[in-house]
């Protein structure tokens, strides 16, 4: 029955005889298994006659998982992310199955996230409200002005009125890149500090962001923040390996056969150190000096732990 469900989720329509042959069962067994799927809540449509067959009904609920709307959107977004960062084939297959059973309203929200987001590299970060994220994505796609409340790091909350351009994920955070109507300039807003976004219904003609690339624009903007560190590390592996691990959050320049220079700007030195450690390659820290201290402390902690476990 599980094989039957898998086949139904990967094929638009299955003639009954072909489906029975693939499962190596009789037409009677096939009908019985289809009835069992229906009892579980899976809506399987059947066409009778010589050319009859079966297919899953599109736009139905997703039993027996019993996902609510936000959970279904979160799963689809997570699968899209996984398809970018290392689990391409498996994630694409799983995503196709999930999307097939989603109702049109949720497909619209997920498609908005796909169109309106520009992924960098993922990592642990602040918990985000799925409704906020999808509201922002829909406004980006619909080119609709937004009002929301924003709380900067060192200022009280304030109401903002903006033309949303793109959602960008960098490092451990999501950002909304938008044209601030009150200040008449481009601004970036951390989504975890943004609350109560409300589309106004007013459409706008999209402006061209400086440089044309919202990810590059945001990286340049964040590199100028005073509490950030400019990291430079010589890594004993090729640049492509480093790029796959760090994504768009870092730059890797070839320095010779099997070596490259990693450059990035961060506000937390634990982040580059964690990825460097996972590469399994030797490296030499060029800057900043604080990264030397972080690496030394981390190494001493690991050596103490290894020594105590051996003892």
C-alpha atoms as a PDB file:
ATOM      1  CA  UNK A   1       0.000   0.000   0.000  1.00  0.00           C
ATOM      2  CA  UNK A   2       2.928   2.331   0.719  1.00  0.00           C
ATOM      3  CA  UNK A   3       4.367   1.563  -2.706  1.00  0.00           C
ATOM      4  CA  UNK A   4       0.972   2.361  -4.195  1.00  0.00           C
ATOM      5  CA  UNK A   5       0.873   5.722  -2.405  1.00  0.00           C
ATOM      6  CA  UNK A   6       4.400   6.531  -3.587  1.00  0.00           C
ATOM      7  CA  UNK A   7       3.491   5.774  -7.211  1.00  0.00           C
ATOM      8  CA  UNK A   8       0.293   7.816  -7.023  1.00  0.00           C
ATOM      9  CA  UNK A   9       2.260  10.784  -5.671  1.00  0.00           C
ATOM     10  CA  UNK A  10       4.802  10.720  -8.499  1.00  0.00           C
ATOM     11  CA  UNK A  11       2.501  10.250 -11.477  1.00  0.00           C
ATOM     12  CA  UNK A  12      -0.371  12.404 -12.675  1.00  0.00           C
ATOM     13  CA  UNK A  13      -2.595   9.484 -13.767  1.00  0.00           C
ATOM     14  CA  UNK A  14      -2.055   5.721 -13.675  1.00  0.00           C
ATOM     15  CA  UNK A  15      -4.055   3.317 -15.892  1.00  0.00           C
ATOM     16  CA  UNK A  16      -5.280   0.518 -13.627  1.00  0.00           C
ATOM     17  CA  UNK A  17      -3.562  -2.297 -15.519  1.00  0.00           C
ATOM     18  CA  UNK A  18      -0.221  -0.486 -15.607  1.00  0.00           C
ATOM     19  CA  UNK A  19      -0.394   0.322 -11.909  1.00  0.00           C
ATOM     20  CA  UNK A  20      -1.223  -3.297 -11.008  1.00  0.00           C
ATOM     21  CA  UNK A  21       1.689  -4.521 -13.146  1.00  0.00           C
ATOM     22  CA  UNK A  22       4.113  -2.117 -11.447  1.00  0.00           C
ATOM     23  CA  UNK A  23       2.979  -3.344  -8.038  1.00  0.00           C
ATOM     24  CA  UNK A  24       2.862  -6.980  -9.169  1.00  0.00           C
ATOM     25  CA  UNK A  25      -0.635  -7.447  -7.744  1.00  0.00           C
ATOM     26  CA  UNK A  26      -4.013  -8.367  -9.162  1.00  0.00           C
ATOM     27  CA  UNK A  27      -6.588  -5.693 -10.093  1.00  0.00           C
ATOM     28  CA  UNK A  28      -8.666  -6.885  -7.138  1.00  0.00           C
ATOM     29  CA  UNK A  29      -5.774  -6.330  -4.688  1.00  0.00           C
ATOM     30  CA  UNK A  30      -5.158  -2.937  -6.230  1.00  0.00           C
ATOM     31  CA  UNK A  31      -8.779  -1.926  -5.662  1.00  0.00           C
ATOM     32  CA  UNK A  32      -8.571  -3.117  -2.050  1.00  0.00           C
ATOM     33  CA  UNK A  33      -5.420  -1.087  -1.397  1.00  0.00           C
ATOM     34  CA  UNK A  34      -6.980   1.994  -2.975  1.00  0.00           C
ATOM     35  CA  UNK A  35      -9.950   1.586  -0.624  1.00  0.00           C
ATOM     36  CA  UNK A  36      -7.556   1.403   2.335  1.00  0.00           C
ATOM     37  CA  UNK A  37      -5.888   4.634   1.262  1.00  0.00           C
ATOM     38  CA  UNK A  38      -9.289   6.291   1.088  1.00  0.00           C
ATOM     39  CA  UNK A  39     -10.061   5.071   4.611  1.00  0.00           C
ATOM     40  CA  UNK A  40      -6.868   6.813   5.764  1.00  0.00           C
ATOM     41  CA  UNK A  41      -8.123  10.007   4.183  1.00  0.00           C
ATOM     42  CA  UNK A  42      -6.173  10.064   0.919  1.00  0.00           C
ATOM     43  CA  UNK A  43      -8.530  11.245  -1.868  1.00  0.00           C
ATOM     44  CA  UNK A  44      -7.938   8.784  -4.719  1.00  0.00           C
ATOM     45  CA  UNK A  45     -10.061   9.364  -7.816  1.00  0.00           C
ATOM     46  CA  UNK A  46     -10.941   6.363  -9.963  1.00  0.00           C
ATOM     47  CA  UNK A  47     -12.067   6.184 -13.591  1.00  0.00           C
ATOM     48  CA  UNK A  48     -13.948   3.029 -14.548  1.00  0.00           C
ATOM     49  CA  UNK A  49     -14.020   1.147 -17.844  1.00  0.00           C
ATOM     50  CA  UNK A  50     -11.399  -0.391 -20.114  1.00  0.00           C
ATOM     51  CA  UNK A  51      -9.160   2.693 -19.940  1.00  0.00           C
ATOM     52  CA  UNK A  52      -9.884   3.257 -16.259  1.00  0.00           C
ATOM     53  CA  UNK A  53      -7.240   4.226 -13.719  1.00  0.00           C
ATOM     54  CA  UNK A  54      -6.367   6.104 -10.565  1.00  0.00           C
ATOM     55  CA  UNK A  55      -4.909   9.418  -9.453  1.00  0.00           C
ATOM     56  CA  UNK A  56      -4.627  11.439  -6.282  1.00  0.00           C
ATOM     57  CA  UNK A  57      -7.023  14.355  -6.102  1.00  0.00           C
ATOM     58  CA  UNK A  58      -5.153  17.666  -6.255  1.00  0.00           C
ATOM     59  CA  UNK A  59      -5.772  20.388  -3.702  1.00  0.00           C
ATOM     60  CA  UNK A  60      -6.926  18.090  -0.916  1.00  0.00           C
ATOM     61  CA  UNK A  61      -5.796  17.836   2.697  1.00  0.00           C
ATOM     62  CA  UNK A  62      -2.745  15.821   3.677  1.00  0.00           C
ATOM     63  CA  UNK A  63      -3.831  12.969   5.997  1.00  0.00           C
ATOM     64  CA  UNK A  64      -2.605  11.105   7.956  1.00  0.00           C
ATOM     65  CA  UNK A  65       0.028  13.800   8.697  1.00  0.00           C
ATOM     66  CA  UNK A  66      -2.750  16.270   9.613  1.00  0.00           C
ATOM     67  CA  UNK A  67      -0.624  19.329   8.904  1.00  0.00           C
ATOM     68  CA  UNK A  68      -2.059  22.782   9.399  1.00  0.00           C
ATOM     69  CA  UNK A  69      -1.426  25.519   6.829  1.00  0.00           C
ATOM     70  CA  UNK A  70       1.674  26.949   8.518  1.00  0.00           C
ATOM     71  CA  UNK A  71       3.247  23.507   8.983  1.00  0.00           C
ATOM     72  CA  UNK A  72       2.652  22.595   5.345  1.00  0.00           C
ATOM     73  CA  UNK A  73       4.254  25.838   4.160  1.00  0.00           C
ATOM     74  CA  UNK A  74       7.204  25.340   6.528  1.00  0.00           C
ATOM     75  CA  UNK A  75       7.824  21.818   5.200  1.00  0.00           C
ATOM     76  CA  UNK A  76       7.732  22.984   1.585  1.00  0.00           C
ATOM     77  CA  UNK A  77      10.091  25.894   2.294  1.00  0.00           C
ATOM     78  CA  UNK A  78      12.460  23.584   4.158  1.00  0.00           C
ATOM     79  CA  UNK A  79      12.495  21.133   1.270  1.00  0.00           C
ATOM     80  CA  UNK A  80      13.255  23.921  -1.193  1.00  0.00           C
ATOM     81  CA  UNK A  81      16.180  24.985   0.999  1.00  0.00           C
ATOM     82  CA  UNK A  82      17.478  21.422   1.302  1.00  0.00           C
ATOM     83  CA  UNK A  83      17.319  21.089  -2.480  1.00  0.00           C
ATOM     84  CA  UNK A  84      19.828  23.953  -2.675  1.00  0.00           C
ATOM     85  CA  UNK A  85      22.279  22.915   0.023  1.00  0.00           C
ATOM     86  CA  UNK A  86      23.031  19.241  -0.526  1.00  0.00           C
ATOM     87  CA  UNK A  87      19.951  17.019  -0.701  1.00  0.00           C
ATOM     88  CA  UNK A  88      18.854  17.890  -4.213  1.00  0.00           C
ATOM     89  CA  UNK A  89      17.375  14.640  -5.558  1.00  0.00           C
ATOM     90  CA  UNK A  90      15.625  13.426  -2.397  1.00  0.00           C
ATOM     91  CA  UNK A  91      14.259  16.867  -1.543  1.00  0.00           C
ATOM     92  CA  UNK A  92      12.928  17.510  -5.029  1.00  0.00           C
ATOM     93  CA  UNK A  93      11.052  14.181  -4.992  1.00  0.00           C
ATOM     94  CA  UNK A  94       9.615  14.857  -1.540  1.00  0.00           C
ATOM     95  CA  UNK A  95       8.716  18.428  -2.475  1.00  0.00           C
ATOM     96  CA  UNK A  96       6.857  17.247  -5.572  1.00  0.00           C
ATOM     97  CA  UNK A  97       4.736  14.931  -3.404  1.00  0.00           C
ATOM     98  CA  UNK A  98       3.947  17.651  -0.871  1.00  0.00           C
ATOM     99  CA  UNK A  99       3.098  20.287  -3.483  1.00  0.00           C
ATOM    100  CA  UNK A 100       0.797  17.883  -5.334  1.00  0.00           C
ATOM    101  CA  UNK A 101      -1.510  17.571  -2.323  1.00  0.00           C
ATOM    102  CA  UNK A 102      -1.550  21.229  -1.277  1.00  0.00           C
ATOM    103  CA  UNK A 103      -4.634  23.349  -1.921  1.00  0.00           C
ATOM    104  CA  UNK A 104      -4.220  26.288  -4.330  1.00  0.00           C
ATOM    105  CA  UNK A 105      -4.051  28.920  -1.574  1.00  0.00           C
ATOM    106  CA  UNK A 106      -0.983  27.264  -0.025  1.00  0.00           C
ATOM    107  CA  UNK A 107       0.665  26.684  -3.386  1.00  0.00           C
ATOM    108  CA  UNK A 108       0.347  30.421  -3.983  1.00  0.00           C
ATOM    109  CA  UNK A 109       2.086  31.221  -0.700  1.00  0.00           C
ATOM    110  CA  UNK A 110       4.914  28.749  -1.315  1.00  0.00           C
ATOM    111  CA  UNK A 111       5.409  29.996  -4.861  1.00  0.00           C
ATOM    112  CA  UNK A 112       5.594  33.547  -3.502  1.00  0.00           C
ATOM    113  CA  UNK A 113       8.373  32.500  -1.136  1.00  0.00           C
ATOM    114  CA  UNK A 114      10.262  30.864  -4.012  1.00  0.00           C
ATOM    115  CA  UNK A 115       9.974  33.887  -6.292  1.00  0.00           C
ATOM    116  CA  UNK A 116      10.545  36.553  -3.660  1.00  0.00           C
ATOM    117  CA  UNK A 117      13.442  35.035  -1.731  1.00  0.00           C
ATOM    118  CA  UNK A 118      17.149  35.000  -2.510  1.00  0.00           C
ATOM    119  CA  UNK A 119      18.886  32.309  -0.442  1.00  0.00           C
ATOM    120  CA  UNK A 120      22.391  32.657   0.905  1.00  0.00           C
ATOM    121  CA  UNK A 121      23.651  30.057   3.366  1.00  0.00           C
ATOM    122  CA  UNK A 122      21.478  28.631   6.114  1.00  0.00           C
ATOM    123  CA  UNK A 123      22.298  28.214   9.778  1.00  0.00           C
ATOM    124  CA  UNK A 124      20.751  28.341  13.247  1.00  0.00           C
ATOM    125  CA  UNK A 125      19.061  31.649  13.881  1.00  0.00           C
ATOM    126  CA  UNK A 126      16.069  33.437  15.405  1.00  0.00           C
ATOM    127  CA  UNK A 127      12.680  31.738  15.242  1.00  0.00           C
ATOM    128  CA  UNK A 128      10.452  33.384  12.650  1.00  0.00           C
ATOM    129  CA  UNK A 129       6.702  33.538  12.319  1.00  0.00           C
ATOM    130  CA  UNK A 130       5.645  31.692   9.156  1.00  0.00           C
ATOM    131  CA  UNK A 131       2.702  34.036   8.601  1.00  0.00           C
ATOM    132  CA  UNK A 132       4.999  37.081   8.706  1.00  0.00           C
ATOM    133  CA  UNK A 133       7.437  35.503   6.264  1.00  0.00           C
ATOM    134  CA  UNK A 134       4.767  34.535   3.749  1.00  0.00           C
ATOM    135  CA  UNK A 135       3.002  37.902   4.074  1.00  0.00           C
ATOM    136  CA  UNK A 136       6.244  39.644   3.156  1.00  0.00           C
ATOM    137  CA  UNK A 137       6.878  37.257   0.262  1.00  0.00           C
ATOM    138  CA  UNK A 138       3.382  37.741  -1.157  1.00  0.00           C
ATOM    139  CA  UNK A 139       3.778  41.524  -0.964  1.00  0.00           C
ATOM    140  CA  UNK A 140       7.120  41.274  -2.804  1.00  0.00           C
ATOM    141  CA  UNK A 141       5.586  39.206  -5.564  1.00  0.00           C
ATOM    142  CA  UNK A 142       2.420  41.305  -5.833  1.00  0.00           C
ATOM    143  CA  UNK A 143       4.424  44.581  -5.759  1.00  0.00           C
ATOM    144  CA  UNK A 144       2.204  45.860  -2.977  1.00  0.00           C
ATOM    145  CA  UNK A 145       3.202  48.431  -0.362  1.00  0.00           C
ATOM    146  CA  UNK A 146       3.454  47.343   3.278  1.00  0.00           C
ATOM    147  CA  UNK A 147       3.058  48.878   6.702  1.00  0.00           C
ATOM    148  CA  UNK A 148       4.722  47.198   9.661  1.00  0.00           C
ATOM    149  CA  UNK A 149       6.347  47.836  13.026  1.00  0.00           C
ATOM    150  CA  UNK A 150      10.131  47.579  13.216  1.00  0.00           C
ATOM    151  CA  UNK A 151      12.350  47.467  16.298  1.00  0.00           C
ATOM    152  CA  UNK A 152      16.015  48.371  15.609  1.00  0.00           C
ATOM    153  CA  UNK A 153      18.783  47.087  17.861  1.00  0.00           C
ATOM    154  CA  UNK A 154      19.170  50.366  19.778  1.00  0.00           C
ATOM    155  CA  UNK A 155      15.929  52.273  19.241  1.00  0.00           C
ATOM    156  CA  UNK A 156      12.272  51.961  20.194  1.00  0.00           C
ATOM    157  CA  UNK A 157       9.724  50.357  17.832  1.00  0.00           C
ATOM    158  CA  UNK A 158       8.521  52.530  14.959  1.00  0.00           C
ATOM    159  CA  UNK A 159       5.914  52.234  12.219  1.00  0.00           C
ATOM    160  CA  UNK A 160       7.372  51.865   8.718  1.00  0.00           C
ATOM    161  CA  UNK A 161       5.878  52.228   5.248  1.00  0.00           C
ATOM    162  CA  UNK A 162       7.824  50.510   2.472  1.00  0.00           C
ATOM    163  CA  UNK A 163       7.840  49.016  -1.003  1.00  0.00           C
ATOM    164  CA  UNK A 164       9.093  45.420  -0.475  1.00  0.00           C
ATOM    165  CA  UNK A 165      11.642  44.260  -3.020  1.00  0.00           C
ATOM    166  CA  UNK A 166      13.058  40.896  -1.918  1.00  0.00           C
ATOM    167  CA  UNK A 167      13.467  38.567   1.045  1.00  0.00           C
ATOM    168  CA  UNK A 168      17.106  37.546   1.480  1.00  0.00           C
ATOM    169  CA  UNK A 169      18.457  34.799   3.739  1.00  0.00           C
ATOM    170  CA  UNK A 170      22.035  35.337   4.863  1.00  0.00           C
ATOM    171  CA  UNK A 171      23.870  33.390   7.514  1.00  0.00           C
ATOM    172  CA  UNK A 172      21.431  32.809  10.352  1.00  0.00           C
ATOM    173  CA  UNK A 173      18.881  35.489   9.523  1.00  0.00           C
ATOM    174  CA  UNK A 174      16.229  36.653   7.047  1.00  0.00           C
ATOM    175  CA  UNK A 175      16.124  40.239   5.811  1.00  0.00           C
ATOM    176  CA  UNK A 176      13.537  42.257   3.935  1.00  0.00           C
ATOM    177  CA  UNK A 177      15.147  44.527   1.349  1.00  0.00           C
ATOM    178  CA  UNK A 178      12.761  47.388   0.611  1.00  0.00           C
ATOM    179  CA  UNK A 179      12.423  50.994  -0.489  1.00  0.00           C
ATOM    180  CA  UNK A 180      11.583  53.012   2.636  1.00  0.00           C
ATOM    181  CA  UNK A 181       8.893  55.509   1.618  1.00  0.00           C
ATOM    182  CA  UNK A 182       9.360  57.664   4.717  1.00  0.00           C
ATOM    183  CA  UNK A 183      13.133  57.997   4.272  1.00  0.00           C
ATOM    184  CA  UNK A 184      13.243  57.915   0.473  1.00  0.00           C
ATOM    185  CA  UNK A 185      16.027  55.328   0.339  1.00  0.00           C
ATOM    186  CA  UNK A 186      16.782  51.604   0.266  1.00  0.00           C
ATOM    187  CA  UNK A 187      16.719  49.875   3.659  1.00  0.00           C
ATOM    188  CA  UNK A 188      17.125  46.357   5.026  1.00  0.00           C
ATOM    189  CA  UNK A 189      14.957  45.032   7.868  1.00  0.00           C
ATOM    190  CA  UNK A 190      15.684  41.954   9.945  1.00  0.00           C
ATOM    191  CA  UNK A 191      12.533  39.859   9.751  1.00  0.00           C
ATOM    192  CA  UNK A 192      12.817  38.683  13.369  1.00  0.00           C
ATOM    193  CA  UNK A 193      12.543  42.353  14.423  1.00  0.00           C
ATOM    194  CA  UNK A 194       9.583  43.060  12.155  1.00  0.00           C
ATOM    195  CA  UNK A 195       6.009  42.596  13.383  1.00  0.00           C
ATOM    196  CA  UNK A 196       2.444  43.019  12.159  1.00  0.00           C
ATOM    197  CA  UNK A 197       3.087  43.439   8.410  1.00  0.00           C
ATOM    198  CA  UNK A 198      -0.066  44.602   6.630  1.00  0.00           C
ATOM    199  CA  UNK A 199      -0.390  44.989   2.837  1.00  0.00           C
ATOM    200  CA  UNK A 200      -1.982  48.344   2.033  1.00  0.00           C
ATOM    201  CA  UNK A 201      -3.489  47.388  -1.311  1.00  0.00           C
ATOM    202  CA  UNK A 202      -1.440  50.106  -3.051  1.00  0.00           C
ATOM    203  CA  UNK A 203       0.583  48.782  -5.979  1.00  0.00           C
ATOM    204  CA  UNK A 204       3.927  50.222  -7.028  1.00  0.00           C
ATOM    205  CA  UNK A 205       6.315  50.053  -9.948  1.00  0.00           C
ATOM    206  CA  UNK A 206       9.477  48.232  -8.777  1.00  0.00           C
ATOM    207  CA  UNK A 207      12.635  50.313  -8.510  1.00  0.00           C
ATOM    208  CA  UNK A 208      16.055  49.031  -9.590  1.00  0.00           C
ATOM    209  CA  UNK A 209      18.160  48.185  -6.556  1.00  0.00           C
ATOM    210  CA  UNK A 210      21.754  49.516  -6.771  1.00  0.00           C
ATOM    211  CA  UNK A 211      23.874  46.934  -8.540  1.00  0.00           C
ATOM    212  CA  UNK A 212      20.834  44.874  -9.499  1.00  0.00           C
ATOM    213  CA  UNK A 213      21.549  42.082  -6.981  1.00  0.00           C
ATOM    214  CA  UNK A 214      19.729  42.238  -3.603  1.00  0.00           C
ATOM    215  CA  UNK A 215      22.081  39.684  -2.007  1.00  0.00           C
ATOM    216  CA  UNK A 216      25.222  41.617  -3.010  1.00  0.00           C
ATOM    217  CA  UNK A 217      23.593  44.908  -1.943  1.00  0.00           C
ATOM    218  CA  UNK A 218      22.768  43.487   1.484  1.00  0.00           C
ATOM    219  CA  UNK A 219      26.238  41.978   1.930  1.00  0.00           C
ATOM    220  CA  UNK A 220      27.853  45.326   1.129  1.00  0.00           C
ATOM    221  CA  UNK A 221      25.506  47.121   3.494  1.00  0.00           C
ATOM    222  CA  UNK A 222      26.087  44.726   6.369  1.00  0.00           C
ATOM    223  CA  UNK A 223      29.863  44.828   5.868  1.00  0.00           C
ATOM    224  CA  UNK A 224      29.761  48.457   6.974  1.00  0.00           C
ATOM    225  CA  UNK A 225      28.093  47.750  10.317  1.00  0.00           C
ATOM    226  CA  UNK A 226      30.467  48.792  13.115  1.00  0.00           C
ATOM    227  CA  UNK A 227      30.192  45.619  15.205  1.00  0.00           C
ATOM    228  CA  UNK A 228      31.098  43.267  12.364  1.00  0.00           C
ATOM    229  CA  UNK A 229      34.378  41.446  11.754  1.00  0.00           C
ATOM    230  CA  UNK A 230      36.159  41.202   8.407  1.00  0.00           C
ATOM    231  CA  UNK A 231      37.421  37.622   8.211  1.00  0.00           C
ATOM    232  CA  UNK A 232      40.299  36.498   5.999  1.00  0.00           C
ATOM    233  CA  UNK A 233      41.520  32.885   6.162  1.00  0.00           C
ATOM    234  CA  UNK A 234      43.863  30.848   3.950  1.00  0.00           C
ATOM    235  CA  UNK A 235      42.267  27.426   3.506  1.00  0.00           C
ATOM    236  CA  UNK A 236      44.060  24.333   2.217  1.00  0.00           C
ATOM    237  CA  UNK A 237      41.324  23.233  -0.170  1.00  0.00           C
ATOM    238  CA  UNK A 238      39.882  24.441  -3.457  1.00  0.00           C
ATOM    239  CA  UNK A 239      37.648  27.500  -3.677  1.00  0.00           C
ATOM    240  CA  UNK A 240      34.633  25.541  -4.949  1.00  0.00           C
ATOM    241  CA  UNK A 241      34.571  23.381  -1.807  1.00  0.00           C
ATOM    242  CA  UNK A 242      34.596  26.499   0.358  1.00  0.00           C
ATOM    243  CA  UNK A 243      31.835  28.136  -1.709  1.00  0.00           C
ATOM    244  CA  UNK A 244      29.602  25.084  -1.307  1.00  0.00           C
ATOM    245  CA  UNK A 245      30.037  25.207   2.471  1.00  0.00           C
ATOM    246  CA  UNK A 246      29.619  28.973   2.974  1.00  0.00           C
ATOM    247  CA  UNK A 247      27.252  29.829   0.120  1.00  0.00           C
ATOM    248  CA  UNK A 248      26.748  33.460  -0.856  1.00  0.00           C
ATOM    249  CA  UNK A 249      27.713  34.613   2.622  1.00  0.00           C
ATOM    250  CA  UNK A 250      31.436  34.401   1.777  1.00  0.00           C
ATOM    251  CA  UNK A 251      33.882  34.881  -1.091  1.00  0.00           C
ATOM    252  CA  UNK A 252      36.572  32.347  -1.966  1.00  0.00           C
ATOM    253  CA  UNK A 253      39.562  33.290  -4.153  1.00  0.00           C
ATOM    254  CA  UNK A 254      41.979  30.724  -5.577  1.00  0.00           C
ATOM    255  CA  UNK A 255      45.539  31.246  -4.270  1.00  0.00           C
ATOM    256  CA  UNK A 256      47.134  28.168  -5.816  1.00  0.00           C
ATOM    257  CA  UNK A 257      46.563  24.468  -6.484  1.00  0.00           C
ATOM    258  CA  UNK A 258      44.357  23.154  -3.695  1.00  0.00           C
ATOM    259  CA  UNK A 259      44.285  26.388  -1.697  1.00  0.00           C
ATOM    260  CA  UNK A 260      42.165  29.539  -1.508  1.00  0.00           C
ATOM    261  CA  UNK A 261      41.511  32.645   0.564  1.00  0.00           C
ATOM    262  CA  UNK A 262      38.166  32.913   2.354  1.00  0.00           C
ATOM    263  CA  UNK A 263      36.772  36.408   2.949  1.00  0.00           C
ATOM    264  CA  UNK A 264      33.551  37.223   4.793  1.00  0.00           C
ATOM    265  CA  UNK A 265      32.001  39.750   7.163  1.00  0.00           C
ATOM    266  CA  UNK A 266      30.257  38.473  10.302  1.00  0.00           C
ATOM    267  CA  UNK A 267      28.944  39.684  13.639  1.00  0.00           C
ATOM    268  CA  UNK A 268      29.607  36.366  15.392  1.00  0.00           C
ATOM    269  CA  UNK A 269      33.012  34.692  14.995  1.00  0.00           C
ATOM    270  CA  UNK A 270      31.665  31.320  16.093  1.00  0.00           C
ATOM    271  CA  UNK A 271      29.888  31.024  12.740  1.00  0.00           C
ATOM    272  CA  UNK A 272      32.954  30.973  10.383  1.00  0.00           C
ATOM    273  CA  UNK A 273      34.896  28.879  12.913  1.00  0.00           C
ATOM    274  CA  UNK A 274      32.152  26.231  12.950  1.00  0.00           C
ATOM    275  CA  UNK A 275      32.136  25.928   9.152  1.00  0.00           C
ATOM    276  CA  UNK A 276      35.919  25.961   8.901  1.00  0.00           C
ATOM    277  CA  UNK A 277      36.055  23.098  11.368  1.00  0.00           C
ATOM    278  CA  UNK A 278      33.559  21.081   9.314  1.00  0.00           C
ATOM    279  CA  UNK A 279      35.668  21.407   6.134  1.00  0.00           C
ATOM    280  CA  UNK A 280      38.289  18.969   7.410  1.00  0.00           C
ATOM    281  CA  UNK A 281      41.041  21.069   5.807  1.00  0.00           C
ATOM    282  CA  UNK A 282      43.944  22.977   7.346  1.00  0.00           C
ATOM    283  CA  UNK A 283      43.691  26.757   7.506  1.00  0.00           C
ATOM    284  CA  UNK A 284      45.675  29.827   8.577  1.00  0.00           C
ATOM    285  CA  UNK A 285      43.814  32.781  10.101  1.00  0.00           C
ATOM    286  CA  UNK A 286      44.918  36.134   8.678  1.00  0.00           C
ATOM    287  CA  UNK A 287      42.342  38.357  10.369  1.00  0.00           C
ATOM    288  CA  UNK A 288      40.816  39.434  12.646  1.00  0.00           C
ATOM    289  CA  UNK A 289      42.957  38.792  15.761  1.00  0.00           C
ATOM    290  CA  UNK A 290      39.803  37.902  17.701  1.00  0.00           C
ATOM    291  CA  UNK A 291      39.307  34.847  15.485  1.00  0.00           C
ATOM    292  CA  UNK A 292      42.690  33.512  16.665  1.00  0.00           C
ATOM    293  CA  UNK A 293      41.429  33.723  20.245  1.00  0.00           C
ATOM    294  CA  UNK A 294      38.147  31.960  19.389  1.00  0.00           C
ATOM    295  CA  UNK A 295      39.992  29.187  17.561  1.00  0.00           C
ATOM    296  CA  UNK A 296      42.456  28.716  20.424  1.00  0.00           C
ATOM    297  CA  UNK A 297      39.709  28.505  23.058  1.00  0.00           C
ATOM    298  CA  UNK A 298      37.672  26.110  20.928  1.00  0.00           C
ATOM    299  CA  UNK A 299      40.720  23.890  20.351  1.00  0.00           C
ATOM    300  CA  UNK A 300      41.587  23.807  24.058  1.00  0.00           C
ATOM    301  CA  UNK A 301      38.008  22.863  24.932  1.00  0.00           C
ATOM    302  CA  UNK A 302      37.980  20.036  22.370  1.00  0.00           C
ATOM    303  CA  UNK A 303      41.359  18.714  23.566  1.00  0.00           C
ATOM    304  CA  UNK A 304      40.227  18.725  27.212  1.00  0.00           C
ATOM    305  CA  UNK A 305      37.043  16.893  26.276  1.00  0.00           C
ATOM    306  CA  UNK A 306      38.928  14.332  24.206  1.00  0.00           C
ATOM    307  CA  UNK A 307      41.408  13.785  27.034  1.00  0.00           C
ATOM    308  CA  UNK A 308      38.713  13.300  29.678  1.00  0.00           C
ATOM    309  CA  UNK A 309      36.772  10.834  27.538  1.00  0.00           C
ATOM    310  CA  UNK A 310      39.946   8.816  26.886  1.00  0.00           C
ATOM    311  CA  UNK A 311      40.756   8.742  30.568  1.00  0.00           C
END
